[in-house]
Amino acid sequence: MNNYYQDQYGSDRVKNYYSAISRTYGMMSVGLGITFVSALLTASFLPGLISSLPLAIILLVAQVVTVIAFSATVRRASTGAVIGMYVLYSLLTGLSISYIFALYHMTTIFLCFAAASLAFAILALMGHNTRRDLSGFGRFFLVGLIGVLLLSVVGYFLPQTGTLEIVICCVGLVLFLGITAYDTQKIRRYFDEADEGEEMGRKMSIYFAMQLYLDFMNIFLYLLRLFGRSRD
């Protein structure tokens, strides 16, 4: 009898685990869909917004504020509020990257998206299945991201050179590929060990979906900058 209840309990945990993982990747996909549809619609029907510097600054500030609020309140906010912030961020990102449809050919965007999807899937599977503990790489990734940010700021004030752009894109791409594996392992461990109730599980699925969404978007944008063929 005890073995029956233990088996039933273990079966329920496995079901809950895979349900949480599926929900996380599902929400990530929803966010990506919102971003690319809003970007395409903006480029098609409001092309003047693409070249508006004041609007670009407003969108950037709004994105930063939204992601900070999202991270700070995810545990105490309602599930609906968490979903709302995630959808809002996805929409703001779509508006801010709508320029890609004016700058690059649609074929280029599609190929880079496909390449980003493949790379993301490979690293996510590696992160999920590897037995090696990747938590020690967290500080390395943080230092790397700071380095890429500083390089980008320095590059903004220097004469534009293709070499510096390639270096920034290559370093950024490698970093976010690694972060994808790191985040995937972190998500697997959380849902494998956590037992905080159904509502918290749903909110954390959205929180982790945001992290994976950001990983994918950075991989895609770096690939686009690195390999994209401009319309010019």
Protein backbone atom coordinates (compact mmCIF):
# COMPACT_ATOMS: atom_id res chain seq x y z
CA MET A 1 0.00 0.00 0.00
CA ASN A 2 2.79 2.41 0.92
CA ASN A 3 4.55 1.64 -2.33
CA TYR A 4 1.35 2.49 -4.20
CA TYR A 5 1.13 5.93 -2.62
CA GLN A 6 4.85 6.54 -3.17
CA ASP A 7 4.51 5.60 -6.81
CA GLN A 8 1.43 7.78 -7.15
CA TYR A 9 3.21 10.70 -5.49
CA GLY A 10 6.23 10.25 -7.76
CA SER A 11 3.98 10.06 -10.81
CA ASP A 12 2.22 13.27 -9.80
CA ARG A 13 5.55 15.07 -9.34
CA VAL A 14 6.69 13.97 -12.79
CA LYS A 15 3.42 15.16 -14.33
CA ASN A 16 3.67 18.49 -12.52
CA TYR A 17 7.28 18.85 -13.60
CA TYR A 18 6.57 18.32 -17.28
CA SER A 19 3.48 20.48 -17.06
CA ALA A 20 5.56 23.34 -15.65
CA ILE A 21 8.27 22.91 -18.29
CA SER A 22 5.68 22.82 -21.09
CA ARG A 23 3.99 25.92 -19.69
CA THR A 24 7.32 27.75 -19.55
CA TYR A 25 8.21 27.05 -23.16
CA GLY A 26 4.64 27.70 -24.24
CA MET A 27 4.69 31.16 -22.64
CA MET A 28 8.07 31.83 -24.22
CA SER A 29 6.59 31.00 -27.63
CA VAL A 30 3.60 33.26 -26.97
CA GLY A 31 5.94 36.13 -26.11
CA LEU A 32 7.97 35.61 -29.28
CA GLY A 33 4.78 35.50 -31.34
CA ILE A 34 3.57 38.79 -29.85
CA THR A 35 6.95 40.40 -30.48
CA PHE A 36 7.28 39.43 -34.12
CA VAL A 37 3.64 40.11 -35.03
CA SER A 38 3.77 43.56 -33.40
CA ALA A 39 7.11 44.28 -35.09
CA LEU A 40 5.78 43.30 -38.51
CA LEU A 41 2.55 45.28 -38.09
CA THR A 42 4.47 48.35 -36.93
CA ALA A 43 6.84 48.16 -39.90
CA SER A 44 3.92 47.67 -42.30
CA PHE A 45 1.42 50.25 -41.04
CA LEU A 46 3.43 52.72 -38.95
CA PRO A 47 6.79 52.94 -40.73
CA GLY A 48 7.41 56.44 -39.41
CA LEU A 49 7.80 55.09 -35.90
CA ILE A 50 10.87 53.11 -36.92
CA SER A 51 13.03 56.20 -37.48
CA SER A 52 11.78 58.17 -34.47
CA LEU A 53 14.66 58.60 -32.02
CA PRO A 54 12.51 60.04 -29.19
CA LEU A 55 10.14 57.07 -29.47
CA ALA A 56 13.08 54.65 -29.47
CA ILE A 57 14.32 56.16 -26.20
CA ILE A 58 10.83 56.02 -24.67
CA LEU A 59 10.47 52.37 -25.68
CA LEU A 60 13.88 51.52 -24.23
CA VAL A 61 13.04 53.19 -20.91
CA ALA A 62 9.62 51.47 -20.86
CA GLN A 63 11.25 48.07 -21.48
CA VAL A 64 13.77 48.57 -18.67
CA VAL A 65 11.07 49.72 -16.24
CA THR A 66 8.80 46.82 -17.17
CA VAL A 67 11.45 44.13 -16.78
CA ILE A 68 12.57 45.58 -13.42
CA ALA A 69 8.98 45.70 -12.17
CA PHE A 70 8.41 42.17 -13.48
CA SER A 71 11.45 40.76 -11.67
CA ALA A 72 10.75 42.67 -8.45
CA THR A 73 7.06 41.78 -8.09
CA VAL A 74 6.73 38.32 -9.68
CA ARG A 75 6.35 36.51 -6.34
CA ARG A 76 3.79 38.82 -4.74
CA ALA A 77 1.83 40.00 -7.79
CA SER A 78 -1.20 38.12 -9.07
CA THR A 79 -0.81 35.66 -11.91
CA GLY A 80 -2.80 37.98 -14.17
CA ALA A 81 -0.51 40.91 -13.39
CA VAL A 82 2.58 38.81 -14.10
CA ILE A 83 1.14 37.70 -17.44
CA GLY A 84 0.20 41.30 -18.23
CA MET A 85 3.76 42.55 -17.60
CA TYR A 86 5.19 39.77 -19.72
CA VAL A 87 2.82 40.51 -22.61
CA LEU A 88 3.55 44.24 -22.28
CA TYR A 89 7.30 43.63 -22.44
CA SER A 90 6.90 41.38 -25.49
CA LEU A 91 4.83 44.06 -27.20
CA LEU A 92 7.31 46.84 -26.37
CA THR A 93 10.14 44.71 -27.70
CA GLY A 94 8.23 44.16 -30.93
CA LEU A 95 7.81 47.90 -31.38
CA SER A 96 11.48 48.54 -30.67
CA ILE A 97 12.79 45.94 -33.14
CA SER A 98 10.35 46.76 -35.93
CA TYR A 99 13.27 48.42 -37.71
CA ILE A 100 14.58 44.98 -38.74
CA PHE A 101 11.82 44.66 -41.35
CA ALA A 102 12.98 47.90 -42.96
CA LEU A 103 16.69 47.14 -42.66
CA TYR A 104 16.81 43.48 -43.70
CA HIS A 105 15.16 41.32 -46.34
CA MET A 106 12.38 39.07 -45.10
CA THR A 107 14.35 36.01 -46.23
CA THR A 108 17.30 37.11 -44.12
CA ILE A 109 15.09 37.57 -41.07
CA PHE A 110 13.49 34.16 -41.58
CA LEU A 111 16.83 32.37 -41.98
CA CYS A 112 18.32 34.04 -38.90
CA PHE A 113 15.18 33.19 -36.93
CA ALA A 114 15.46 29.56 -38.05
CA ALA A 115 19.14 29.46 -37.14
CA ALA A 116 18.42 31.03 -33.74
CA SER A 117 15.66 28.46 -33.14
CA LEU A 118 17.99 25.58 -33.95
CA ALA A 119 20.85 26.94 -31.84
CA PHE A 120 18.51 27.67 -28.95
CA ALA A 121 17.00 24.17 -29.10
CA ILE A 122 20.42 22.49 -29.12
CA LEU A 123 21.73 24.49 -26.14
CA ALA A 124 18.46 24.10 -24.24
CA LEU A 125 18.63 20.32 -24.67
CA MET A 126 22.26 20.33 -23.57
CA GLY A 127 21.45 22.39 -20.50
CA HIS A 128 18.50 20.18 -19.62
CA ASN A 129 20.29 16.87 -20.04
CA THR A 130 23.86 17.56 -18.93
CA ARG A 131 24.98 16.20 -15.59
CA ARG A 132 27.61 18.89 -15.24
CA ASP A 133 26.75 21.66 -12.79
CA LEU A 134 26.62 24.92 -14.76
CA SER A 135 25.82 27.18 -11.80
CA GLY A 136 29.49 28.14 -11.45
CA PHE A 137 29.34 29.88 -14.82
CA GLY A 138 26.89 32.50 -13.57
CA ARG A 139 29.56 35.01 -12.55
CA PHE A 140 31.46 34.41 -15.80
CA PHE A 141 28.34 35.18 -17.84
CA LEU A 142 27.68 38.34 -15.80
CA VAL A 143 31.22 39.61 -16.38
CA GLY A 144 30.92 38.76 -20.07
CA LEU A 145 27.66 40.69 -20.42
CA ILE A 146 29.20 43.72 -18.73
CA GLY A 147 32.14 43.45 -21.12
CA VAL A 148 29.87 43.32 -24.17
CA LEU A 149 27.94 46.32 -22.89
CA LEU A 150 31.13 48.32 -22.37
CA LEU A 151 32.40 47.34 -25.83
CA SER A 152 29.11 48.47 -27.36
CA VAL A 153 29.28 51.82 -25.56
CA VAL A 154 32.90 52.36 -26.61
CA GLY A 155 32.08 51.33 -30.17
CA TYR A 156 29.30 53.92 -30.31
CA PHE A 157 31.82 56.75 -29.85
CA LEU A 158 34.50 55.28 -32.12
CA PRO A 159 34.55 55.38 -35.93
CA GLN A 160 32.37 52.55 -37.21
CA THR A 161 34.46 49.52 -38.10
CA GLY A 162 33.29 46.15 -39.24
CA THR A 163 35.87 44.37 -37.08
CA LEU A 164 34.58 45.75 -33.79
CA GLU A 165 30.99 44.95 -34.78
CA ILE A 166 31.95 41.36 -35.58
CA VAL A 167 33.80 40.98 -32.26
CA ILE A 168 30.82 42.32 -30.29
CA CYS A 169 28.37 40.07 -32.13
CA CYS A 170 30.52 36.95 -31.79
CA VAL A 171 31.15 37.46 -28.08
CA GLY A 172 27.49 38.30 -27.44
CA LEU A 173 26.31 35.28 -29.42
CA VAL A 174 28.60 32.85 -27.58
CA LEU A 175 27.55 34.34 -24.24
CA PHE A 176 23.84 33.96 -24.85
CA LEU A 177 24.24 30.45 -26.20
CA GLY A 178 25.96 29.58 -22.94
CA ILE A 179 23.36 31.45 -20.89
CA THR A 180 20.63 29.45 -22.64
CA ALA A 181 22.13 26.19 -21.35
CA TYR A 182 22.69 27.78 -17.92
CA ASP A 183 19.10 29.04 -17.65
CA THR A 184 17.64 25.76 -18.87
CA GLN A 185 19.47 23.79 -16.20
CA LYS A 186 18.40 26.32 -13.56
CA ILE A 187 14.76 25.97 -14.64
CA ARG A 188 14.96 22.17 -14.62
CA ARG A 189 16.36 22.16 -11.09
CA TYR A 190 13.80 24.64 -9.82
CA PHE A 191 10.79 22.69 -11.04
CA ASP A 192 12.40 19.41 -10.00
CA GLU A 193 12.87 20.57 -6.40
CA ALA A 194 10.38 23.39 -5.71
CA ASP A 195 7.02 22.77 -4.12
CA GLU A 196 5.46 26.22 -3.68
CA GLY A 197 1.91 25.59 -4.83
CA GLU A 198 0.12 25.76 -8.15
CA GLU A 199 -0.25 29.55 -8.39
CA MET A 200 3.40 30.23 -7.58
CA GLY A 201 4.37 27.54 -10.07
CA ARG A 202 2.40 29.31 -12.78
CA LYS A 203 4.01 32.65 -11.97
CA MET A 204 7.48 31.14 -11.95
CA SER A 205 6.77 29.52 -15.32
CA ILE A 206 6.12 32.99 -16.72
CA TYR A 207 9.22 34.35 -14.99
CA PHE A 208 11.40 31.64 -16.51
CA ALA A 209 9.67 32.09 -19.87
CA MET A 210 10.83 35.70 -19.79
CA GLN A 211 14.43 34.58 -19.21
CA LEU A 212 14.32 32.13 -22.10
CA TYR A 213 12.59 34.74 -24.26
CA LEU A 214 15.44 37.18 -23.62
CA ASP A 215 18.03 34.49 -24.39
CA PHE A 216 16.37 33.68 -27.70
CA MET A 217 15.90 37.31 -28.72
CA ASN A 218 19.55 38.11 -28.09
CA ILE A 219 20.70 35.06 -30.07
CA PHE A 220 18.43 36.06 -32.94
CA LEU A 221 19.48 39.73 -32.98
CA TYR A 222 23.19 38.91 -32.79
CA LEU A 223 22.83 36.46 -35.67
CA LEU A 224 20.96 39.08 -37.64
CA ARG A 225 23.67 41.67 -37.04
CA LEU A 226 26.40 39.17 -37.83
CA PHE A 227 25.02 37.48 -40.92
CA GLY A 228 22.10 39.65 -42.01
CA ARG A 229 22.17 41.14 -45.48
CA SER A 230 20.96 44.73 -45.43
CA ARG A 231 18.54 46.06 -48.02
CA ASP A 232 21.02 48.84 -48.81
